[in-house]
Amino acid sequence: MAFTDLLISTCTVRQYSSISADAYGQPVKTYHDHLTGQLCRLSGAQAREFKVGAEVVIADAKLFIGAVDISERDQVIVDGVTYEVLSVIPIKAGTIENHHKECYLRIVR
């Protein structure tokens, strides 16, 4: 079975654009769709902790995705739910240096 056969969902990777102001002048991060229709697989995160700035957060999910352009500043939308990317880990398989990536995610609330 090939790795792509295990990817049973599709997702959209949204890339960080800039910080703009809302109607009250408060800063708001803006994103744009970077990659759409990417094959992926979402699973539980097994209670892994990550430090985000001065805050320690627990990942809500783990995403398996091909060797695509994704980073810790991005967001991912899977099944209508938006997640913040906490960590991106490139995975080596055999002689392929960047076979796929495992990303730890937190639900955007």
N, C-alpha and C. Protein backbone atom coordinates (compact mmCIF):
# COMPACT_ATOMS: atom_id res chain seq x y z
N MET A 1 0.84 -1.17 0.00
CA MET A 1 0.00 0.00 0.00
C MET A 1 0.89 1.24 0.00
N ALA A 2 0.59 2.16 -0.87
CA ALA A 2 1.35 3.41 -0.98
C ALA A 2 0.91 4.41 0.08
N PHE A 3 1.79 5.32 0.41
CA PHE A 3 1.47 6.35 1.41
C PHE A 3 0.23 7.14 1.00
N THR A 4 0.12 7.48 -0.27
CA THR A 4 -1.03 8.28 -0.72
C THR A 4 -2.35 7.53 -0.56
N ASP A 5 -2.31 6.21 -0.52
CA ASP A 5 -3.54 5.43 -0.29
C ASP A 5 -4.07 5.61 1.14
N LEU A 6 -3.20 6.01 2.06
CA LEU A 6 -3.60 6.23 3.45
C LEU A 6 -4.20 7.62 3.69
N LEU A 7 -4.01 8.51 2.72
CA LEU A 7 -4.50 9.88 2.85
C LEU A 7 -5.95 9.91 2.37
N ILE A 8 -6.89 9.90 3.33
CA ILE A 8 -8.30 9.70 3.00
C ILE A 8 -9.13 10.98 3.01
N SER A 9 -8.50 12.11 3.31
CA SER A 9 -9.20 13.40 3.35
C SER A 9 -8.50 14.39 2.44
N THR A 10 -9.13 15.53 2.25
CA THR A 10 -8.47 16.64 1.56
C THR A 10 -8.49 17.85 2.48
N CYS A 11 -7.53 18.72 2.29
CA CYS A 11 -7.43 19.91 3.13
C CYS A 11 -6.99 21.11 2.32
N THR A 12 -7.15 22.26 2.93
CA THR A 12 -6.67 23.52 2.36
C THR A 12 -5.65 24.09 3.32
N VAL A 13 -4.48 24.44 2.80
CA VAL A 13 -3.44 25.08 3.60
C VAL A 13 -3.56 26.58 3.36
N ARG A 14 -3.75 27.32 4.44
CA ARG A 14 -3.87 28.77 4.36
C ARG A 14 -2.59 29.39 4.91
N GLN A 15 -1.97 30.25 4.10
CA GLN A 15 -0.70 30.85 4.46
C GLN A 15 -0.91 32.22 5.12
N TYR A 16 -0.12 32.48 6.12
CA TYR A 16 -0.15 33.76 6.83
C TYR A 16 0.19 34.88 5.85
N SER A 17 -0.62 35.94 5.83
CA SER A 17 -0.39 37.06 4.93
C SER A 17 0.19 38.26 5.66
N SER A 18 -0.56 38.79 6.62
CA SER A 18 -0.12 39.98 7.33
C SER A 18 -1.03 40.20 8.54
N ILE A 19 -0.73 41.25 9.25
CA ILE A 19 -1.61 41.67 10.34
C ILE A 19 -2.30 42.94 9.89
N SER A 20 -3.60 42.93 9.94
CA SER A 20 -4.38 44.12 9.60
C SER A 20 -5.23 44.49 10.82
N ALA A 21 -5.99 45.55 10.70
CA ALA A 21 -6.82 46.00 11.82
C ALA A 21 -8.28 45.68 11.56
N ASP A 22 -9.00 45.32 12.62
CA ASP A 22 -10.44 45.10 12.49
C ASP A 22 -11.19 46.44 12.62
N ALA A 23 -12.51 46.40 12.68
CA ALA A 23 -13.32 47.62 12.74
C ALA A 23 -13.03 48.46 13.98
N TYR A 24 -12.46 47.84 15.02
CA TYR A 24 -12.16 48.57 16.26
C TYR A 24 -10.69 48.94 16.38
N GLY A 25 -9.92 48.69 15.31
CA GLY A 25 -8.51 49.03 15.31
C GLY A 25 -7.62 47.99 15.97
N GLN A 26 -8.19 46.83 16.33
CA GLN A 26 -7.42 45.76 16.96
C GLN A 26 -6.72 44.92 15.88
N PRO A 27 -5.49 44.47 16.14
CA PRO A 27 -4.77 43.69 15.14
C PRO A 27 -5.43 42.32 14.90
N VAL A 28 -5.50 41.94 13.64
CA VAL A 28 -6.08 40.67 13.23
C VAL A 28 -5.14 40.04 12.19
N LYS A 29 -4.77 38.77 12.40
CA LYS A 29 -3.95 38.06 11.41
C LYS A 29 -4.82 37.72 10.20
N THR A 30 -4.26 37.87 9.02
CA THR A 30 -4.99 37.51 7.81
C THR A 30 -4.26 36.38 7.09
N TYR A 31 -5.05 35.53 6.45
CA TYR A 31 -4.53 34.37 5.74
C TYR A 31 -5.14 34.31 4.35
N HIS A 32 -4.44 33.65 3.43
CA HIS A 32 -5.00 33.38 2.10
C HIS A 32 -4.79 31.91 1.76
N ASP A 33 -5.67 31.36 0.94
CA ASP A 33 -5.55 29.96 0.53
C ASP A 33 -4.27 29.80 -0.28
N HIS A 34 -3.42 28.89 0.16
CA HIS A 34 -2.12 28.64 -0.48
C HIS A 34 -2.17 27.35 -1.29
N LEU A 35 -2.64 26.28 -0.68
CA LEU A 35 -2.76 24.98 -1.34
C LEU A 35 -4.17 24.45 -1.09
N THR A 36 -4.88 24.08 -2.12
CA THR A 36 -6.24 23.55 -1.96
C THR A 36 -6.31 22.13 -2.49
N GLY A 37 -7.21 21.35 -1.92
CA GLY A 37 -7.40 19.97 -2.38
C GLY A 37 -6.23 19.05 -2.11
N GLN A 38 -5.45 19.33 -1.07
CA GLN A 38 -4.31 18.48 -0.73
C GLN A 38 -4.77 17.22 -0.03
N LEU A 39 -4.27 16.07 -0.46
CA LEU A 39 -4.58 14.82 0.22
C LEU A 39 -3.92 14.82 1.60
N CYS A 40 -4.65 14.35 2.60
CA CYS A 40 -4.12 14.35 3.97
C CYS A 40 -4.85 13.31 4.80
N ARG A 41 -4.39 13.15 6.02
CA ARG A 41 -5.06 12.29 6.99
C ARG A 41 -4.95 12.93 8.36
N LEU A 42 -6.06 13.05 9.07
CA LEU A 42 -6.11 13.67 10.38
C LEU A 42 -6.31 12.59 11.43
N SER A 43 -5.54 12.66 12.51
CA SER A 43 -5.70 11.70 13.61
C SER A 43 -5.54 12.42 14.93
N GLY A 44 -5.75 11.71 16.04
CA GLY A 44 -5.55 12.28 17.37
C GLY A 44 -4.08 12.61 17.60
N ALA A 45 -3.82 13.54 18.51
CA ALA A 45 -2.44 14.02 18.71
C ALA A 45 -1.73 13.38 19.89
N GLN A 46 -2.37 12.55 20.67
CA GLN A 46 -1.77 11.86 21.81
C GLN A 46 -1.21 12.83 22.85
N ALA A 47 -1.93 13.93 23.12
CA ALA A 47 -1.63 14.89 24.19
C ALA A 47 -0.20 15.41 24.16
N ARG A 48 0.27 15.85 23.02
CA ARG A 48 1.62 16.41 22.91
C ARG A 48 1.57 17.91 23.17
N GLU A 49 2.52 18.42 23.96
CA GLU A 49 2.57 19.83 24.32
C GLU A 49 3.57 20.59 23.45
N PHE A 50 3.22 21.85 23.15
CA PHE A 50 4.09 22.72 22.37
C PHE A 50 4.12 24.10 23.01
N LYS A 51 5.27 24.76 22.92
CA LYS A 51 5.38 26.12 23.43
C LYS A 51 5.13 27.07 22.26
N VAL A 52 4.12 27.93 22.42
CA VAL A 52 3.78 28.93 21.42
C VAL A 52 3.93 30.28 22.10
N GLY A 53 5.02 30.98 21.80
CA GLY A 53 5.33 32.22 22.51
C GLY A 53 5.60 31.90 23.96
N ALA A 54 4.88 32.53 24.88
CA ALA A 54 5.03 32.27 26.31
C ALA A 54 4.01 31.26 26.82
N GLU A 55 3.20 30.73 25.91
CA GLU A 55 2.10 29.84 26.27
C GLU A 55 2.44 28.39 25.90
N VAL A 56 2.06 27.46 26.75
CA VAL A 56 2.20 26.03 26.43
C VAL A 56 0.82 25.52 26.05
N VAL A 57 0.72 24.91 24.86
CA VAL A 57 -0.57 24.42 24.37
C VAL A 57 -0.47 22.93 24.07
N ILE A 58 -1.60 22.27 24.10
CA ILE A 58 -1.68 20.85 23.77
C ILE A 58 -2.28 20.71 22.39
N ALA A 59 -1.64 19.94 21.55
CA ALA A 59 -2.14 19.73 20.19
C ALA A 59 -3.45 18.96 20.22
N ASP A 60 -4.38 19.38 19.36
CA ASP A 60 -5.67 18.71 19.24
C ASP A 60 -5.64 17.58 18.23
N ALA A 61 -4.75 17.67 17.23
CA ALA A 61 -4.74 16.68 16.16
C ALA A 61 -3.36 16.59 15.52
N LYS A 62 -3.18 15.52 14.78
CA LYS A 62 -1.95 15.29 14.02
C LYS A 62 -2.36 15.11 12.57
N LEU A 63 -1.68 15.81 11.66
CA LEU A 63 -1.99 15.77 10.24
C LEU A 63 -0.83 15.14 9.48
N PHE A 64 -1.16 14.19 8.63
CA PHE A 64 -0.18 13.59 7.72
C PHE A 64 -0.46 14.18 6.34
N ILE A 65 0.57 14.71 5.69
CA ILE A 65 0.40 15.36 4.39
C ILE A 65 1.67 15.13 3.58
N GLY A 66 1.56 15.18 2.28
CA GLY A 66 2.72 15.00 1.40
C GLY A 66 3.78 16.08 1.65
N ALA A 67 4.84 16.03 0.89
CA ALA A 67 5.95 16.98 1.03
C ALA A 67 5.56 18.30 0.36
N VAL A 68 4.71 19.06 1.03
CA VAL A 68 4.20 20.32 0.49
C VAL A 68 4.75 21.49 1.29
N ASP A 69 4.52 22.69 0.79
CA ASP A 69 4.97 23.91 1.44
C ASP A 69 4.01 24.27 2.57
N ILE A 70 4.37 23.90 3.80
CA ILE A 70 3.55 24.19 4.98
C ILE A 70 4.50 24.55 6.11
N SER A 71 4.10 25.53 6.95
CA SER A 71 4.97 25.95 8.05
C SER A 71 4.15 26.22 9.31
N GLU A 72 4.85 26.54 10.38
CA GLU A 72 4.22 26.77 11.68
C GLU A 72 3.35 28.03 11.70
N ARG A 73 3.45 28.90 10.75
CA ARG A 73 2.63 30.12 10.71
C ARG A 73 1.32 29.90 9.96
N ASP A 74 1.12 28.72 9.38
CA ASP A 74 -0.03 28.46 8.52
C ASP A 74 -1.23 27.94 9.30
N GLN A 75 -2.35 27.88 8.60
CA GLN A 75 -3.56 27.24 9.09
C GLN A 75 -3.94 26.15 8.10
N VAL A 76 -4.68 25.14 8.59
CA VAL A 76 -5.15 24.05 7.75
C VAL A 76 -6.65 23.90 7.99
N ILE A 77 -7.41 23.73 6.92
CA ILE A 77 -8.84 23.48 7.04
C ILE A 77 -9.11 22.05 6.58
N VAL A 78 -9.66 21.24 7.50
CA VAL A 78 -10.02 19.85 7.21
C VAL A 78 -11.47 19.65 7.63
N ASP A 79 -12.30 19.18 6.72
CA ASP A 79 -13.72 18.93 7.02
C ASP A 79 -14.41 20.14 7.64
N GLY A 80 -14.08 21.33 7.17
CA GLY A 80 -14.72 22.55 7.66
C GLY A 80 -14.19 23.08 8.97
N VAL A 81 -13.21 22.43 9.57
CA VAL A 81 -12.63 22.87 10.84
C VAL A 81 -11.26 23.49 10.56
N THR A 82 -11.03 24.67 11.12
CA THR A 82 -9.76 25.38 10.92
C THR A 82 -8.82 25.08 12.08
N TYR A 83 -7.59 24.71 11.73
CA TYR A 83 -6.55 24.38 12.71
C TYR A 83 -5.36 25.30 12.52
N GLU A 84 -4.67 25.60 13.62
CA GLU A 84 -3.41 26.32 13.59
C GLU A 84 -2.29 25.29 13.59
N VAL A 85 -1.29 25.46 12.74
CA VAL A 85 -0.16 24.53 12.69
C VAL A 85 0.82 24.89 13.81
N LEU A 86 1.04 23.95 14.72
CA LEU A 86 1.96 24.15 15.85
C LEU A 86 3.36 23.68 15.52
N SER A 87 3.47 22.60 14.76
CA SER A 87 4.78 22.01 14.45
C SER A 87 4.70 21.26 13.13
N VAL A 88 5.77 21.34 12.35
CA VAL A 88 5.88 20.60 11.09
C VAL A 88 7.14 19.76 11.16
N ILE A 89 6.98 18.44 10.99
CA ILE A 89 8.12 17.52 11.06
C ILE A 89 8.27 16.81 9.72
N PRO A 90 9.35 17.10 8.97
CA PRO A 90 9.58 16.37 7.72
C PRO A 90 10.02 14.94 8.03
N ILE A 91 9.45 13.97 7.31
CA ILE A 91 9.73 12.56 7.55
C ILE A 91 10.50 11.97 6.38
N LYS A 92 11.56 11.25 6.71
CA LYS A 92 12.37 10.56 5.71
C LYS A 92 11.89 9.13 5.60
N ALA A 93 11.81 8.62 4.38
CA ALA A 93 11.41 7.22 4.16
C ALA A 93 12.38 6.58 3.18
N GLY A 94 13.20 5.69 3.70
CA GLY A 94 14.20 5.04 2.84
C GLY A 94 15.19 6.06 2.31
N THR A 95 15.30 6.14 1.01
CA THR A 95 16.24 7.08 0.39
C THR A 95 15.59 8.42 0.07
N ILE A 96 14.30 8.53 0.32
CA ILE A 96 13.59 9.79 0.04
C ILE A 96 13.72 10.70 1.25
N GLU A 97 14.46 11.78 1.10
CA GLU A 97 14.76 12.68 2.22
C GLU A 97 13.52 13.35 2.79
N ASN A 98 12.63 13.86 1.93
CA ASN A 98 11.43 14.55 2.39
C ASN A 98 10.21 13.83 1.83
N HIS A 99 9.89 12.69 2.42
CA HIS A 99 8.81 11.83 1.92
C HIS A 99 7.43 12.42 2.18
N HIS A 100 7.20 12.84 3.43
CA HIS A 100 5.95 13.49 3.81
C HIS A 100 6.19 14.31 5.07
N LYS A 101 5.14 14.97 5.54
CA LYS A 101 5.27 15.78 6.75
C LYS A 101 4.19 15.39 7.74
N GLU A 102 4.56 15.44 9.03
CA GLU A 102 3.60 15.25 10.11
C GLU A 102 3.48 16.59 10.82
N CYS A 103 2.26 17.07 10.94
CA CYS A 103 2.00 18.38 11.53
C CYS A 103 1.11 18.23 12.75
N TYR A 104 1.48 18.90 13.82
CA TYR A 104 0.64 18.94 15.00
C TYR A 104 -0.20 20.21 14.94
N LEU A 105 -1.48 20.06 15.24
CA LEU A 105 -2.44 21.14 15.03
C LEU A 105 -3.23 21.45 16.29
N ARG A 106 -3.73 22.68 16.35
CA ARG A 106 -4.63 23.12 17.42
C ARG A 106 -5.84 23.78 16.76
N ILE A 107 -7.03 23.47 17.23
CA ILE A 107 -8.25 24.04 16.66
C ILE A 107 -8.26 25.54 16.92
N VAL A 108 -8.58 26.32 15.88
CA VAL A 108 -8.72 27.76 16.02
C VAL A 108 -10.08 28.04 16.63
N ARG A 109 -10.11 28.69 17.74
CA ARG A 109 -11.37 28.98 18.43
C ARG A 109 -11.74 30.43 18.29
